[in-house]
N, C-alpha and C. Protein backbone atom coordinates (compact mmCIF):
# COMPACT_ATOMS: atom_id res chain seq x y z
N MET A 1 -7.86 -11.71 -33.07
CA MET A 1 -7.47 -12.83 -34.36
C MET A 1 -6.78 -13.53 -33.67
N ASP A 2 -7.20 -14.32 -33.29
CA ASP A 2 -5.70 -15.28 -32.38
C ASP A 2 -5.55 -16.04 -33.74
N ILE A 3 -4.16 -15.98 -34.04
CA ILE A 3 -3.85 -16.52 -35.34
C ILE A 3 -3.31 -19.08 -35.10
N ASP A 4 -3.04 -17.93 -34.22
CA ASP A 4 -2.91 -20.35 -33.55
C ASP A 4 -4.13 -20.65 -33.40
N LYS A 5 -4.51 -20.16 -33.52
CA LYS A 5 -6.45 -20.87 -32.68
C LYS A 5 -6.76 -21.07 -34.20
N VAL A 6 -6.80 -20.31 -34.50
CA VAL A 6 -7.31 -20.43 -36.03
C VAL A 6 -6.62 -21.03 -36.93
N ALA A 7 -5.53 -21.32 -37.44
CA ALA A 7 -4.34 -22.25 -37.32
C ALA A 7 -4.95 -24.48 -36.53
N SER A 8 -5.03 -24.56 -35.43
CA SER A 8 -5.51 -25.32 -34.86
C SER A 8 -6.52 -26.09 -35.48
N PHE A 9 -7.80 -24.98 -34.99
CA PHE A 9 -8.66 -25.83 -35.96
C PHE A 9 -9.09 -25.59 -37.24
N MET A 10 -8.31 -25.00 -38.35
CA MET A 10 -7.90 -24.91 -39.76
C MET A 10 -7.34 -27.02 -39.84
N ALA A 11 -6.19 -27.00 -38.80
CA ALA A 11 -5.52 -28.54 -39.06
C ALA A 11 -6.69 -29.35 -38.60
N GLY A 12 -7.31 -29.51 -37.43
CA GLY A 12 -8.52 -30.36 -36.85
C GLY A 12 -9.72 -30.90 -37.40
N HIS A 13 -9.96 -29.63 -38.68
CA HIS A 13 -11.13 -29.68 -38.84
C HIS A 13 -11.63 -29.26 -40.63
N ALA A 14 -10.26 -28.90 -41.41
CA ALA A 14 -11.01 -28.05 -42.39
C ALA A 14 -10.03 -29.50 -43.32
N ARG A 15 -10.80 -29.26 -45.12
CA ARG A 15 -10.87 -29.76 -45.98
C ARG A 15 -8.84 -29.06 -46.01
N LEU A 16 -8.51 -30.35 -47.27
CA LEU A 16 -6.96 -30.60 -47.85
C LEU A 16 -7.52 -28.80 -48.43
N LEU A 17 -7.99 -28.66 -48.85
CA LEU A 17 -8.10 -27.57 -49.91
C LEU A 17 -7.93 -26.30 -49.14
N ASP A 18 -8.83 -25.77 -48.47
CA ASP A 18 -8.98 -24.87 -47.10
C ASP A 18 -8.13 -24.78 -46.46
N ARG A 19 -6.71 -26.13 -46.10
CA ARG A 19 -5.94 -26.14 -45.19
C ARG A 19 -4.85 -25.48 -46.14
N ARG A 20 -5.01 -25.94 -47.11
CA ARG A 20 -4.03 -25.79 -48.51
C ARG A 20 -4.16 -23.44 -48.34
N ARG A 21 -5.23 -23.70 -48.19
CA ARG A 21 -5.53 -21.90 -49.21
C ARG A 21 -5.18 -21.40 -47.81
N PHE A 22 -5.08 -21.76 -46.85
CA PHE A 22 -5.14 -21.00 -45.25
C PHE A 22 -3.63 -20.83 -45.28
N GLU A 23 -2.61 -21.87 -45.58
CA GLU A 23 -0.87 -21.85 -45.61
C GLU A 23 -0.36 -21.31 -46.55
N LEU A 24 -1.45 -20.76 -47.60
CA LEU A 24 -0.58 -19.60 -48.41
C LEU A 24 -1.26 -18.13 -48.11
N LEU A 25 -2.54 -17.81 -47.38
CA LEU A 25 -2.57 -16.68 -47.00
C LEU A 25 -1.65 -16.85 -46.55
N MET A 26 -1.12 -17.14 -44.67
CA MET A 26 0.12 -17.29 -43.70
C MET A 26 1.23 -16.95 -44.01
N GLY A 27 1.28 -17.48 -45.78
CA GLY A 27 2.87 -16.77 -46.73
C GLY A 27 3.52 -17.78 -46.12
N GLU A 28 2.92 -19.38 -45.70
CA GLU A 28 3.31 -20.45 -46.04
C GLU A 28 3.54 -21.92 -47.50
N GLY A 29 2.01 -21.57 -47.15
CA GLY A 29 2.31 -22.57 -48.81
C GLY A 29 2.91 -22.14 -50.20
N ASP A 30 2.60 -23.53 -50.36
CA ASP A 30 3.26 -24.19 -52.29
C ASP A 30 1.59 -23.53 -52.79
N PRO A 31 1.70 -22.73 -53.90
CA PRO A 31 0.97 -23.09 -54.79
C PRO A 31 0.72 -24.49 -55.52
N ALA A 32 1.45 -24.84 -56.15
CA ALA A 32 1.42 -26.40 -56.13
C ALA A 32 0.40 -27.17 -55.32
N GLY A 33 1.53 -27.13 -53.57
CA GLY A 33 0.08 -27.98 -53.70
C GLY A 33 -1.67 -27.70 -53.61
N THR A 34 -1.35 -26.28 -54.17
CA THR A 34 -3.22 -25.85 -53.26
C THR A 34 -3.61 -26.59 -54.26
N LEU A 35 -2.93 -26.62 -55.62
CA LEU A 35 -3.61 -26.18 -57.19
C LEU A 35 -3.68 -28.64 -57.05
N ALA A 36 -2.85 -29.06 -56.45
CA ALA A 36 -2.80 -30.29 -56.27
C ALA A 36 -4.53 -30.51 -55.78
N ALA A 37 -4.56 -29.64 -54.22
CA ALA A 37 -5.75 -30.15 -53.26
C ALA A 37 -6.67 -29.94 -54.38
N LEU A 38 -6.77 -29.23 -55.72
CA LEU A 38 -7.65 -28.17 -56.24
C LEU A 38 -7.87 -29.36 -57.13
N GLU A 39 -6.90 -29.84 -57.89
CA GLU A 39 -7.08 -31.16 -58.94
C GLU A 39 -8.39 -31.90 -58.58
N GLY A 40 -7.83 -32.51 -56.91
CA GLY A 40 -9.18 -33.22 -56.34
C GLY A 40 -10.78 -33.60 -56.42
N TYR A 41 -11.16 -32.41 -57.14
CA TYR A 41 -12.41 -32.04 -57.23
C TYR A 41 -12.98 -31.78 -59.08
N ARG A 42 -12.10 -31.66 -59.62
CA ARG A 42 -12.02 -31.39 -61.21
C ARG A 42 -12.42 -32.85 -61.51
N ASN A 43 -13.95 -32.88 -62.90
CA ASN A 43 -14.39 -34.00 -63.36
C ASN A 43 -13.41 -34.06 -65.08
N ALA A 44 -14.02 -34.95 -65.26
CA ALA A 44 -12.55 -35.57 -66.35
C ALA A 44 -13.38 -34.60 -68.04
N ASP A 45 -14.73 -33.33 -67.64
CA ASP A 45 -15.35 -32.69 -68.56
C ASP A 45 -14.67 -30.81 -68.66
N GLY A 46 -13.77 -31.81 -67.49
CA GLY A 46 -12.93 -29.83 -66.92
C GLY A 46 -13.73 -28.53 -66.00
N GLY A 47 -14.71 -29.53 -65.47
CA GLY A 47 -15.39 -28.84 -64.59
C GLY A 47 -15.47 -29.17 -63.32
N TYR A 48 -15.77 -28.86 -62.13
CA TYR A 48 -15.58 -29.13 -61.35
C TYR A 48 -16.79 -30.00 -60.55
N GLY A 49 -16.71 -30.13 -59.60
CA GLY A 49 -17.56 -30.69 -58.67
C GLY A 49 -16.85 -31.70 -57.17
N TRP A 50 -18.39 -32.40 -56.81
CA TRP A 50 -17.81 -33.39 -55.45
C TRP A 50 -17.65 -32.05 -54.39
N GLY A 51 -18.30 -31.21 -53.94
CA GLY A 51 -18.05 -30.94 -53.13
C GLY A 51 -17.05 -29.80 -53.01
N LEU A 52 -16.80 -29.08 -54.05
CA LEU A 52 -16.25 -28.57 -54.07
C LEU A 52 -15.88 -26.79 -52.97
N GLU A 53 -17.25 -26.45 -54.22
CA GLU A 53 -18.38 -25.66 -53.37
C GLU A 53 -19.41 -25.96 -52.60
N PRO A 54 -18.74 -26.46 -50.80
CA PRO A 54 -20.10 -27.04 -49.87
C PRO A 54 -21.79 -26.79 -50.38
N ASP A 55 -21.95 -25.95 -50.31
CA ASP A 55 -23.47 -25.88 -50.78
C ASP A 55 -23.64 -26.84 -51.88
N LEU A 56 -22.71 -26.98 -52.72
CA LEU A 56 -23.21 -28.08 -53.57
C LEU A 56 -22.89 -29.86 -53.76
N ARG A 57 -23.20 -30.57 -53.61
CA ARG A 57 -22.18 -31.46 -53.13
C ARG A 57 -22.50 -32.67 -54.09
N SER A 58 -23.16 -32.61 -55.40
CA SER A 58 -22.74 -33.50 -56.19
C SER A 58 -21.47 -33.61 -57.27
N PRO A 59 -21.84 -34.75 -57.47
CA PRO A 59 -20.44 -34.77 -58.17
C PRO A 59 -20.75 -34.94 -59.58
N GLU A 60 -21.44 -33.78 -60.11
CA GLU A 60 -21.62 -33.21 -61.93
C GLU A 60 -20.89 -31.42 -61.67
N SER A 61 -20.83 -31.52 -62.59
CA SER A 61 -19.61 -29.90 -62.76
C SER A 61 -20.51 -29.43 -63.01
N GLN A 62 -20.37 -28.39 -62.04
CA GLN A 62 -21.07 -27.18 -61.35
C GLN A 62 -20.83 -25.39 -61.93
N PRO A 63 -21.51 -24.42 -62.17
CA PRO A 63 -21.12 -23.13 -62.42
C PRO A 63 -20.42 -22.83 -60.98
N GLY A 64 -21.08 -22.93 -59.32
CA GLY A 64 -21.03 -22.11 -58.26
C GLY A 64 -19.30 -22.67 -58.29
N SER A 65 -19.09 -24.86 -58.85
CA SER A 65 -17.67 -24.46 -58.47
C SER A 65 -17.16 -24.24 -59.20
N ALA A 66 -17.60 -24.28 -59.95
CA ALA A 66 -16.07 -23.36 -60.88
C ALA A 66 -15.60 -22.21 -61.03
N LEU A 67 -17.03 -21.60 -60.30
CA LEU A 67 -16.46 -20.45 -60.17
C LEU A 67 -15.14 -20.32 -58.70
N HIS A 68 -16.17 -21.17 -57.53
CA HIS A 68 -14.60 -21.42 -56.67
C HIS A 68 -13.38 -21.46 -57.17
N ALA A 69 -13.39 -22.71 -57.92
CA ALA A 69 -12.04 -23.52 -58.19
C ALA A 69 -11.09 -21.56 -59.11
N PHE A 70 -11.81 -20.67 -59.79
CA PHE A 70 -11.61 -19.96 -60.72
C PHE A 70 -10.41 -18.62 -59.20
N GLU A 71 -11.19 -18.68 -57.54
CA GLU A 71 -10.91 -17.76 -57.09
C GLU A 71 -9.33 -18.47 -57.04
N VAL A 72 -9.70 -20.06 -56.12
CA VAL A 72 -8.61 -20.70 -56.21
C VAL A 72 -7.07 -20.28 -57.02
N PHE A 73 -7.61 -20.61 -58.43
CA PHE A 73 -6.94 -20.37 -59.36
C PHE A 73 -6.15 -18.63 -58.94
N GLU A 74 -6.27 -17.22 -58.69
CA GLU A 74 -6.48 -16.37 -58.03
C GLU A 74 -5.52 -16.63 -57.47
N GLN A 75 -6.36 -17.23 -56.49
CA GLN A 75 -4.72 -17.45 -55.05
C GLN A 75 -3.20 -17.66 -55.14
N ALA A 76 -3.26 -19.23 -56.28
CA ALA A 76 -2.01 -19.67 -56.49
C ALA A 76 -1.96 -19.90 -57.85
N PRO A 77 -1.67 -18.78 -58.29
CA PRO A 77 -1.24 -19.05 -59.84
C PRO A 77 -0.15 -20.16 -60.00
N SER A 78 -0.43 -20.39 -61.57
CA SER A 78 0.65 -21.81 -61.73
C SER A 78 2.10 -21.10 -62.30
N PRO A 79 3.03 -21.59 -61.69
CA PRO A 79 3.78 -21.29 -62.05
C PRO A 79 4.41 -21.55 -63.28
N VAL A 80 3.73 -22.61 -63.49
CA VAL A 80 3.60 -23.28 -64.79
C VAL A 80 2.80 -22.32 -66.47
N ARG A 81 3.19 -21.66 -66.85
CA ARG A 81 1.92 -20.77 -67.61
C ARG A 81 1.49 -21.59 -69.81
N PRO A 82 0.83 -21.95 -69.72
CA PRO A 82 0.26 -22.60 -70.90
C PRO A 82 0.73 -22.40 -72.32
N SER A 83 1.61 -22.57 -72.92
CA SER A 83 2.25 -22.06 -74.63
C SER A 83 0.79 -22.23 -75.53
N CYS A 84 1.14 -21.43 -75.98
CA CYS A 84 0.08 -21.05 -77.41
C CYS A 84 0.50 -21.67 -78.75
N ALA A 85 1.54 -22.99 -78.70
CA ALA A 85 2.20 -23.85 -79.42
C ALA A 85 0.38 -24.33 -80.08
N THR A 86 -0.73 -24.35 -79.80
CA THR A 86 -2.04 -24.79 -80.39
C THR A 86 -3.04 -23.71 -80.49
N GLY A 87 -1.95 -22.17 -80.73
CA GLY A 87 -2.77 -21.04 -81.16
C GLY A 87 -3.87 -20.67 -80.49
N CYS A 88 -2.90 -19.94 -79.57
CA CYS A 88 -3.97 -18.55 -78.50
C CYS A 88 -3.84 -17.45 -78.77
N ARG A 89 -5.69 -17.26 -78.34
CA ARG A 89 -5.91 -16.19 -80.01
C ARG A 89 -5.74 -14.56 -78.24
N ARG A 90 -5.71 -13.61 -79.17
CA ARG A 90 -4.58 -12.43 -78.01
C ARG A 90 -5.77 -10.69 -78.11
């Protein structure tokens, strides 16, 4: 596989989120930038839509989009962890 050709293709044809995920995979990316790109697909209800999962183009929150978002969360963990000030369960 020619990674330079892959990078060139991604730069010219991939969505911002996919480019950021590719950068992480190559060890060059920033998790915060990847999470910021994901945020563009988030809805007011906390779910994800707007074509996050390319086969589901509706703006409404969809389970398939949530699964895709979880994959991004796993790949780009947030450097900031939520506090338990509001009562976390263990």
